[in-house]
C-alpha atoms as a PDB file:
ATOM      1  CA  UNK A   1      14.384 -40.248 -58.312  1.00  0.00           C
ATOM      2  CA  UNK A   2      11.158 -42.319 -57.371  1.00  0.00           C
ATOM      3  CA  UNK A   3      13.662 -44.002 -54.381  1.00  0.00           C
ATOM      4  CA  UNK A   4      14.688 -40.289 -53.121  1.00  0.00           C
ATOM      5  CA  UNK A   5      11.358 -38.879 -53.095  1.00  0.00           C
ATOM      6  CA  UNK A   6      10.333 -42.006 -51.342  1.00  0.00           C
ATOM      7  CA  UNK A   7      13.050 -41.800 -48.859  1.00  0.00           C
ATOM      8  CA  UNK A   8      12.180 -38.181 -48.262  1.00  0.00           C
ATOM      9  CA  UNK A   9       8.740 -39.269 -47.671  1.00  0.00           C
ATOM     10  CA  UNK A  10       9.752 -41.362 -45.233  1.00  0.00           C
ATOM     11  CA  UNK A  11      12.068 -38.701 -43.591  1.00  0.00           C
ATOM     12  CA  UNK A  12       9.186 -36.194 -43.580  1.00  0.00           C
ATOM     13  CA  UNK A  13       6.855 -38.709 -41.604  1.00  0.00           C
ATOM     14  CA  UNK A  14       9.236 -39.364 -39.026  1.00  0.00           C
ATOM     15  CA  UNK A  15       9.860 -35.518 -38.137  1.00  0.00           C
ATOM     16  CA  UNK A  16       6.167 -35.625 -37.969  1.00  0.00           C
ATOM     17  CA  UNK A  17       5.854 -38.838 -35.739  1.00  0.00           C
ATOM     18  CA  UNK A  18       8.726 -37.501 -33.421  1.00  0.00           C
ATOM     19  CA  UNK A  19       7.377 -34.033 -33.510  1.00  0.00           C
ATOM     20  CA  UNK A  20       3.719 -35.615 -32.032  1.00  0.00           C
ATOM     21  CA  UNK A  21       5.866 -37.538 -29.571  1.00  0.00           C
ATOM     22  CA  UNK A  22       6.991 -34.780 -27.916  1.00  0.00           C
ATOM     23  CA  UNK A  23       4.209 -32.514 -27.793  1.00  0.00           C
ATOM     24  CA  UNK A  24       3.015 -34.074 -25.013  1.00  0.00           C
ATOM     25  CA  UNK A  25       5.994 -33.380 -23.149  1.00  0.00           C
ATOM     26  CA  UNK A  26       5.524 -29.611 -23.514  1.00  0.00           C
ATOM     27  CA  UNK A  27       2.900 -29.261 -21.040  1.00  0.00           C
ATOM     28  CA  UNK A  28       4.571 -31.913 -18.401  1.00  0.00           C
ATOM     29  CA  UNK A  29       7.631 -29.811 -18.451  1.00  0.00           C
ATOM     30  CA  UNK A  30       5.574 -26.567 -18.000  1.00  0.00           C
ATOM     31  CA  UNK A  31       4.135 -28.371 -15.012  1.00  0.00           C
ATOM     32  CA  UNK A  32       7.453 -29.319 -13.549  1.00  0.00           C
ATOM     33  CA  UNK A  33       8.935 -25.866 -13.944  1.00  0.00           C
ATOM     34  CA  UNK A  34       6.036 -24.158 -11.942  1.00  0.00           C
ATOM     35  CA  UNK A  35       6.306 -27.181  -9.386  1.00  0.00           C
ATOM     36  CA  UNK A  36      10.108 -26.528  -9.124  1.00  0.00           C
ATOM     37  CA  UNK A  37       9.737 -22.872  -8.747  1.00  0.00           C
ATOM     38  CA  UNK A  38       6.905 -22.336  -6.222  1.00  0.00           C
ATOM     39  CA  UNK A  39       7.374 -25.440  -4.156  1.00  0.00           C
ATOM     40  CA  UNK A  40      11.340 -25.639  -4.284  1.00  0.00           C
ATOM     41  CA  UNK A  41      13.502 -22.732  -5.582  1.00  0.00           C
ATOM     42  CA  UNK A  42      10.763 -20.286  -3.928  1.00  0.00           C
ATOM     43  CA  UNK A  43      11.563 -21.733  -0.370  1.00  0.00           C
ATOM     44  CA  UNK A  44      15.636 -21.877  -0.766  1.00  0.00           C
ATOM     45  CA  UNK A  45      17.205 -19.449   2.041  1.00  0.00           C
ATOM     46  CA  UNK A  46      19.400 -17.945  -0.189  1.00  0.00           C
ATOM     47  CA  UNK A  47      18.310 -14.607  -1.971  1.00  0.00           C
ATOM     48  CA  UNK A  48      21.364 -15.519  -4.524  1.00  0.00           C
ATOM     49  CA  UNK A  49      19.679 -18.991  -5.917  1.00  0.00           C
ATOM     50  CA  UNK A  50      16.317 -17.607  -6.301  1.00  0.00           C
ATOM     51  CA  UNK A  51      17.058 -14.715  -7.970  1.00  0.00           C
ATOM     52  CA  UNK A  52      19.369 -16.672 -10.380  1.00  0.00           C
ATOM     53  CA  UNK A  53      16.327 -18.926 -11.087  1.00  0.00           C
ATOM     54  CA  UNK A  54      13.869 -15.848 -11.707  1.00  0.00           C
ATOM     55  CA  UNK A  55      16.360 -14.355 -14.101  1.00  0.00           C
ATOM     56  CA  UNK A  56      17.923 -17.259 -15.588  1.00  0.00           C
ATOM     57  CA  UNK A  57      15.442 -19.868 -15.728  1.00  0.00           C
ATOM     58  CA  UNK A  58      12.312 -17.502 -16.122  1.00  0.00           C
ATOM     59  CA  UNK A  59      13.252 -14.787 -17.547  1.00  0.00           C
ATOM     60  CA  UNK A  60      12.081 -12.313 -15.042  1.00  0.00           C
ATOM     61  CA  UNK A  61      14.187  -8.965 -14.910  1.00  0.00           C
ATOM     62  CA  UNK A  62      15.119  -7.836 -11.361  1.00  0.00           C
ATOM     63  CA  UNK A  63      16.729  -4.530 -10.940  1.00  0.00           C
ATOM     64  CA  UNK A  64      20.144  -4.213  -8.636  1.00  0.00           C
ATOM     65  CA  UNK A  65      19.468  -4.232  -5.103  1.00  0.00           C
ATOM     66  CA  UNK A  66      16.269  -5.696  -5.407  1.00  0.00           C
ATOM     67  CA  UNK A  67      14.923  -8.788  -3.116  1.00  0.00           C
ATOM     68  CA  UNK A  68      11.860 -11.490  -3.722  1.00  0.00           C
ATOM     69  CA  UNK A  69      11.579 -13.189  -0.302  1.00  0.00           C
ATOM     70  CA  UNK A  70      10.472 -16.776   0.766  1.00  0.00           C
ATOM     71  CA  UNK A  71       7.673 -17.978  -0.312  1.00  0.00           C
ATOM     72  CA  UNK A  72       6.710 -15.880  -3.282  1.00  0.00           C
ATOM     73  CA  UNK A  73       4.213 -17.550  -5.877  1.00  0.00           C
ATOM     74  CA  UNK A  74       5.084 -17.040  -9.522  1.00  0.00           C
ATOM     75  CA  UNK A  75       2.117 -17.537 -11.663  1.00  0.00           C
ATOM     76  CA  UNK A  76       3.103 -18.544 -15.672  1.00  0.00           C
ATOM     77  CA  UNK A  77       2.234 -20.901 -18.364  1.00  0.00           C
ATOM     78  CA  UNK A  78       5.894 -21.054 -19.186  1.00  0.00           C
ATOM     79  CA  UNK A  79       9.290 -19.361 -19.429  1.00  0.00           C
ATOM     80  CA  UNK A  80       8.796 -18.076 -23.290  1.00  0.00           C
ATOM     81  CA  UNK A  81       5.542 -16.709 -22.289  1.00  0.00           C
ATOM     82  CA  UNK A  82       7.463 -14.619 -19.544  1.00  0.00           C
ATOM     83  CA  UNK A  83       9.926 -13.499 -21.538  1.00  0.00           C
ATOM     84  CA  UNK A  84       6.978 -12.545 -24.488  1.00  0.00           C
ATOM     85  CA  UNK A  85       5.065 -10.315 -22.231  1.00  0.00           C
ATOM     86  CA  UNK A  86       7.820  -9.042 -19.865  1.00  0.00           C
ATOM     87  CA  UNK A  87       8.026  -8.906 -15.954  1.00  0.00           C
ATOM     88  CA  UNK A  88      10.265  -6.425 -14.701  1.00  0.00           C
ATOM     89  CA  UNK A  89      11.285  -5.559 -11.224  1.00  0.00           C
ATOM     90  CA  UNK A  90      12.838  -2.478 -10.678  1.00  0.00           C
ATOM     91  CA  UNK A  91      16.084  -1.586  -8.586  1.00  0.00           C
ATOM     92  CA  UNK A  92      15.753  -1.275  -4.695  1.00  0.00           C
ATOM     93  CA  UNK A  93      12.241  -3.194  -4.416  1.00  0.00           C
ATOM     94  CA  UNK A  94      11.219  -5.314  -1.593  1.00  0.00           C
ATOM     95  CA  UNK A  95       8.924  -7.923  -2.498  1.00  0.00           C
ATOM     96  CA  UNK A  96       7.509  -9.513   1.128  1.00  0.00           C
ATOM     97  CA  UNK A  97       7.241 -13.206   1.983  1.00  0.00           C
ATOM     98  CA  UNK A  98       4.398 -15.377   0.377  1.00  0.00           C
ATOM     99  CA  UNK A  99       3.447 -12.780  -2.329  1.00  0.00           C
ATOM    100  CA  UNK A 100       1.448 -14.084  -5.605  1.00  0.00           C
ATOM    101  CA  UNK A 101       3.119 -12.330  -8.745  1.00  0.00           C
ATOM    102  CA  UNK A 102       0.651 -13.189 -11.833  1.00  0.00           C
ATOM    103  CA  UNK A 103       3.151 -13.707 -14.561  1.00  0.00           C
ATOM    104  CA  UNK A 104       1.056 -14.522 -17.211  1.00  0.00           C
ATOM    105  CA  UNK A 105       0.350 -11.210 -18.223  1.00  0.00           C
ATOM    106  CA  UNK A 106       2.814  -8.174 -18.510  1.00  0.00           C
ATOM    107  CA  UNK A 107       3.788  -6.923 -14.847  1.00  0.00           C
ATOM    108  CA  UNK A 108       5.982  -3.816 -14.118  1.00  0.00           C
ATOM    109  CA  UNK A 109       7.110  -2.480 -10.857  1.00  0.00           C
ATOM    110  CA  UNK A 110       9.206   0.173 -10.267  1.00  0.00           C
ATOM    111  CA  UNK A 111      11.835   1.337  -8.168  1.00  0.00           C
ATOM    112  CA  UNK A 112      11.863   1.501  -4.592  1.00  0.00           C
ATOM    113  CA  UNK A 113       8.511  -0.280  -4.205  1.00  0.00           C
ATOM    114  CA  UNK A 114       7.664  -2.029  -0.842  1.00  0.00           C
ATOM    115  CA  UNK A 115       4.966  -4.964  -1.526  1.00  0.00           C
ATOM    116  CA  UNK A 116       4.287  -6.315   2.237  1.00  0.00           C
ATOM    117  CA  UNK A 117       3.561 -10.107   2.438  1.00  0.00           C
ATOM    118  CA  UNK A 118       0.589 -11.831   0.933  1.00  0.00           C
ATOM    119  CA  UNK A 119       0.075  -9.265  -1.549  1.00  0.00           C
ATOM    120  CA  UNK A 120      -1.205 -10.792  -4.499  1.00  0.00           C
ATOM    121  CA  UNK A 121      -0.628  -8.912  -8.228  1.00  0.00           C
ATOM    122  CA  UNK A 122      -3.028 -10.720 -10.775  1.00  0.00           C
ATOM    123  CA  UNK A 123      -3.187 -10.094 -14.493  1.00  0.00           C
ATOM    124  CA  UNK A 124      -5.488 -12.407 -15.669  1.00  0.00           C
ATOM    125  CA  UNK A 125      -9.178 -13.079 -15.098  1.00  0.00           C
ATOM    126  CA  UNK A 126     -12.100 -14.998 -16.640  1.00  0.00           C
ATOM    127  CA  UNK A 127     -14.562 -13.124 -18.700  1.00  0.00           C
ATOM    128  CA  UNK A 128     -17.636 -14.205 -17.103  1.00  0.00           C
ATOM    129  CA  UNK A 129     -20.276 -13.205 -19.783  1.00  0.00           C
ATOM    130  CA  UNK A 130     -18.630 -15.170 -22.515  1.00  0.00           C
ATOM    131  CA  UNK A 131     -19.352 -18.883 -23.351  1.00  0.00           C
ATOM    132  CA  UNK A 132     -16.512 -21.297 -22.626  1.00  0.00           C
ATOM    133  CA  UNK A 133     -15.316 -18.723 -19.604  1.00  0.00           C
ATOM    134  CA  UNK A 134     -12.311 -17.936 -21.576  1.00  0.00           C
ATOM    135  CA  UNK A 135      -9.297 -15.907 -20.109  1.00  0.00           C
ATOM    136  CA  UNK A 136      -8.708 -12.560 -20.463  1.00  0.00           C
ATOM    137  CA  UNK A 137      -5.268 -10.697 -19.600  1.00  0.00           C
ATOM    138  CA  UNK A 138      -4.235  -7.407 -18.589  1.00  0.00           C
ATOM    139  CA  UNK A 139      -1.229  -5.920 -17.368  1.00  0.00           C
ATOM    140  CA  UNK A 140      -0.609  -4.061 -14.181  1.00  0.00           C
ATOM    141  CA  UNK A 141       1.756  -1.321 -13.788  1.00  0.00           C
ATOM    142  CA  UNK A 142       3.303  -0.331 -10.007  1.00  0.00           C
ATOM    143  CA  UNK A 143       5.236   2.975 -10.216  1.00  0.00           C
ATOM    144  CA  UNK A 144       8.273   4.196  -8.048  1.00  0.00           C
ATOM    145  CA  UNK A 145       7.739   4.439  -4.232  1.00  0.00           C
ATOM    146  CA  UNK A 146       4.553   2.469  -4.248  1.00  0.00           C
ATOM    147  CA  UNK A 147       3.824   0.723  -0.833  1.00  0.00           C
ATOM    148  CA  UNK A 148       1.049  -2.001  -1.177  1.00  0.00           C
ATOM    149  CA  UNK A 149      -0.181  -3.256   2.248  1.00  0.00           C
ATOM    150  CA  UNK A 150       0.035  -6.358   3.715  1.00  0.00           C
ATOM    151  CA  UNK A 151      -2.953  -8.795   1.627  1.00  0.00           C
ATOM    152  CA  UNK A 152      -4.131  -6.026  -0.565  1.00  0.00           C
ATOM    153  CA  UNK A 153      -5.063  -7.438  -4.233  1.00  0.00           C
ATOM    154  CA  UNK A 154      -3.971  -5.883  -7.035  1.00  0.00           C
ATOM    155  CA  UNK A 155      -6.576  -6.587  -9.990  1.00  0.00           C
ATOM    156  CA  UNK A 156      -5.727  -6.845 -14.032  1.00  0.00           C
ATOM    157  CA  UNK A 157      -5.202  -3.674 -15.767  1.00  0.00           C
ATOM    158  CA  UNK A 158      -4.182  -2.000 -12.533  1.00  0.00           C
ATOM    159  CA  UNK A 159      -1.967   1.174 -12.879  1.00  0.00           C
ATOM    160  CA  UNK A 160      -0.754   2.333  -9.784  1.00  0.00           C
ATOM    161  CA  UNK A 161       0.923   6.048 -10.232  1.00  0.00           C
ATOM    162  CA  UNK A 162       3.980   7.044  -8.606  1.00  0.00           C
ATOM    163  CA  UNK A 163       4.434   7.189  -4.197  1.00  0.00           C
ATOM    164  CA  UNK A 164       0.593   5.710  -4.012  1.00  0.00           C
ATOM    165  CA  UNK A 165      -0.327   3.680  -0.699  1.00  0.00           C
ATOM    166  CA  UNK A 166      -2.414   0.751  -1.123  1.00  0.00           C
ATOM    167  CA  UNK A 167      -4.102   0.055   2.222  1.00  0.00           C
ATOM    168  CA  UNK A 168      -3.788  -3.278   3.814  1.00  0.00           C
ATOM    169  CA  UNK A 169      -6.600  -5.610   2.608  1.00  0.00           C
ATOM    170  CA  UNK A 170      -7.746  -3.459  -0.195  1.00  0.00           C
ATOM    171  CA  UNK A 171      -8.508  -4.441  -3.667  1.00  0.00           C
ATOM    172  CA  UNK A 172      -7.220  -1.955  -6.194  1.00  0.00           C
ATOM    173  CA  UNK A 173      -8.452  -1.265  -9.536  1.00  0.00           C
ATOM    174  CA  UNK A 174      -8.316   1.027 -12.586  1.00  0.00           C
ATOM    175  CA  UNK A 175      -6.092   3.960 -12.248  1.00  0.00           C
ATOM    176  CA  UNK A 176      -4.772   5.063  -8.817  1.00  0.00           C
ATOM    177  CA  UNK A 177      -3.281   8.585  -9.391  1.00  0.00           C
ATOM    178  CA  UNK A 178       0.138   9.429  -7.972  1.00  0.00           C
ATOM    179  CA  UNK A 179       0.617  10.114  -4.243  1.00  0.00           C
ATOM    180  CA  UNK A 180      -2.805   9.095  -3.512  1.00  0.00           C
ATOM    181  CA  UNK A 181      -3.536   6.861  -0.544  1.00  0.00           C
ATOM    182  CA  UNK A 182      -6.428   4.198  -1.233  1.00  0.00           C
ATOM    183  CA  UNK A 183      -8.407   1.503   1.334  1.00  0.00           C
ATOM    184  CA  UNK A 184     -11.223  -0.227   0.947  1.00  0.00           C
ATOM    185  CA  UNK A 185     -13.242  -2.960  -1.400  1.00  0.00           C
ATOM    186  CA  UNK A 186     -13.019  -1.675  -3.912  1.00  0.00           C
ATOM    187  CA  UNK A 187     -10.340   0.849  -2.953  1.00  0.00           C
ATOM    188  CA  UNK A 188     -11.032   4.287  -2.951  1.00  0.00           C
ATOM    189  CA  UNK A 189      -9.143   7.309  -2.281  1.00  0.00           C
ATOM    190  CA  UNK A 190      -9.078   8.152   1.546  1.00  0.00           C
ATOM    191  CA  UNK A 191      -5.894  10.615   1.882  1.00  0.00           C
ATOM    192  CA  UNK A 192      -2.442  12.051  -0.034  1.00  0.00           C
ATOM    193  CA  UNK A 193       1.265  11.630   0.483  1.00  0.00           C
ATOM    194  CA  UNK A 194       3.378  14.546   0.078  1.00  0.00           C
ATOM    195  CA  UNK A 195       5.282  15.010  -2.650  1.00  0.00           C
ATOM    196  CA  UNK A 196       8.525  14.934  -0.247  1.00  0.00           C
ATOM    197  CA  UNK A 197       7.405  11.314   0.997  1.00  0.00           C
ATOM    198  CA  UNK A 198       8.092   9.530  -1.782  1.00  0.00           C
ATOM    199  CA  UNK A 199      12.135  10.499  -2.436  1.00  0.00           C
ATOM    200  CA  UNK A 200      13.614   7.835  -0.302  1.00  0.00           C
ATOM    201  CA  UNK A 201      16.043   4.870  -1.791  1.00  0.00           C
ATOM    202  CA  UNK A 202      15.899   1.557   0.135  1.00  0.00           C
ATOM    203  CA  UNK A 203      19.357  -0.330   0.728  1.00  0.00           C
ATOM    204  CA  UNK A 204      19.686  -3.849   2.222  1.00  0.00           C
ATOM    205  CA  UNK A 205      16.960  -5.302   1.573  1.00  0.00           C
ATOM    206  CA  UNK A 206      18.148  -8.927   0.971  1.00  0.00           C
ATOM    207  CA  UNK A 207      18.044 -10.022   4.297  1.00  0.00           C
ATOM    208  CA  UNK A 208      19.469 -13.319   5.637  1.00  0.00           C
ATOM    209  CA  UNK A 209      16.879 -16.110   5.430  1.00  0.00           C
ATOM    210  CA  UNK A 210      14.489 -13.748   4.451  1.00  0.00           C
END
């Protein structure tokens, strides 16, 4: 009995040692995955290859007919975190060149959404008033037929209603009503779209070398 217990103890210590040895590899593998995603895969001139990586490796759900163009930066901790929090891009949605998608928190983008180049969608921020500068995550929801102009910023916790327009360079936060046109820093309502303006469907978004 003593010999059996001894062997078990040795085996358990060996398992613990192996686990400890693997632990430093996890951050390294996550860093390598982020590097591959944002400095190799995002620059491949193939929508098929990029979307395969985003879907199969990162776990991002991308609807039929949608396109994520060259140079997009996906900010994430790891694939298991993306799958847990959820990143969903609807059907026939266009994310143009050089956008930043902060997948450290939940992101939901609807159907027939147009996101112009260099837009940043942010889900995670620091809490300025607490010791240790901790992170805080708030999900972002962008509903169907939204148009986000070039270099606009969508802050954590923002909900953009169906058919709304975020003007170029605007900083969107909080609740953006459906069909509202907002501009400025912070973004404020400057106009409204007619109901009939949010009925289109995009086609042929995956252009060659885009």
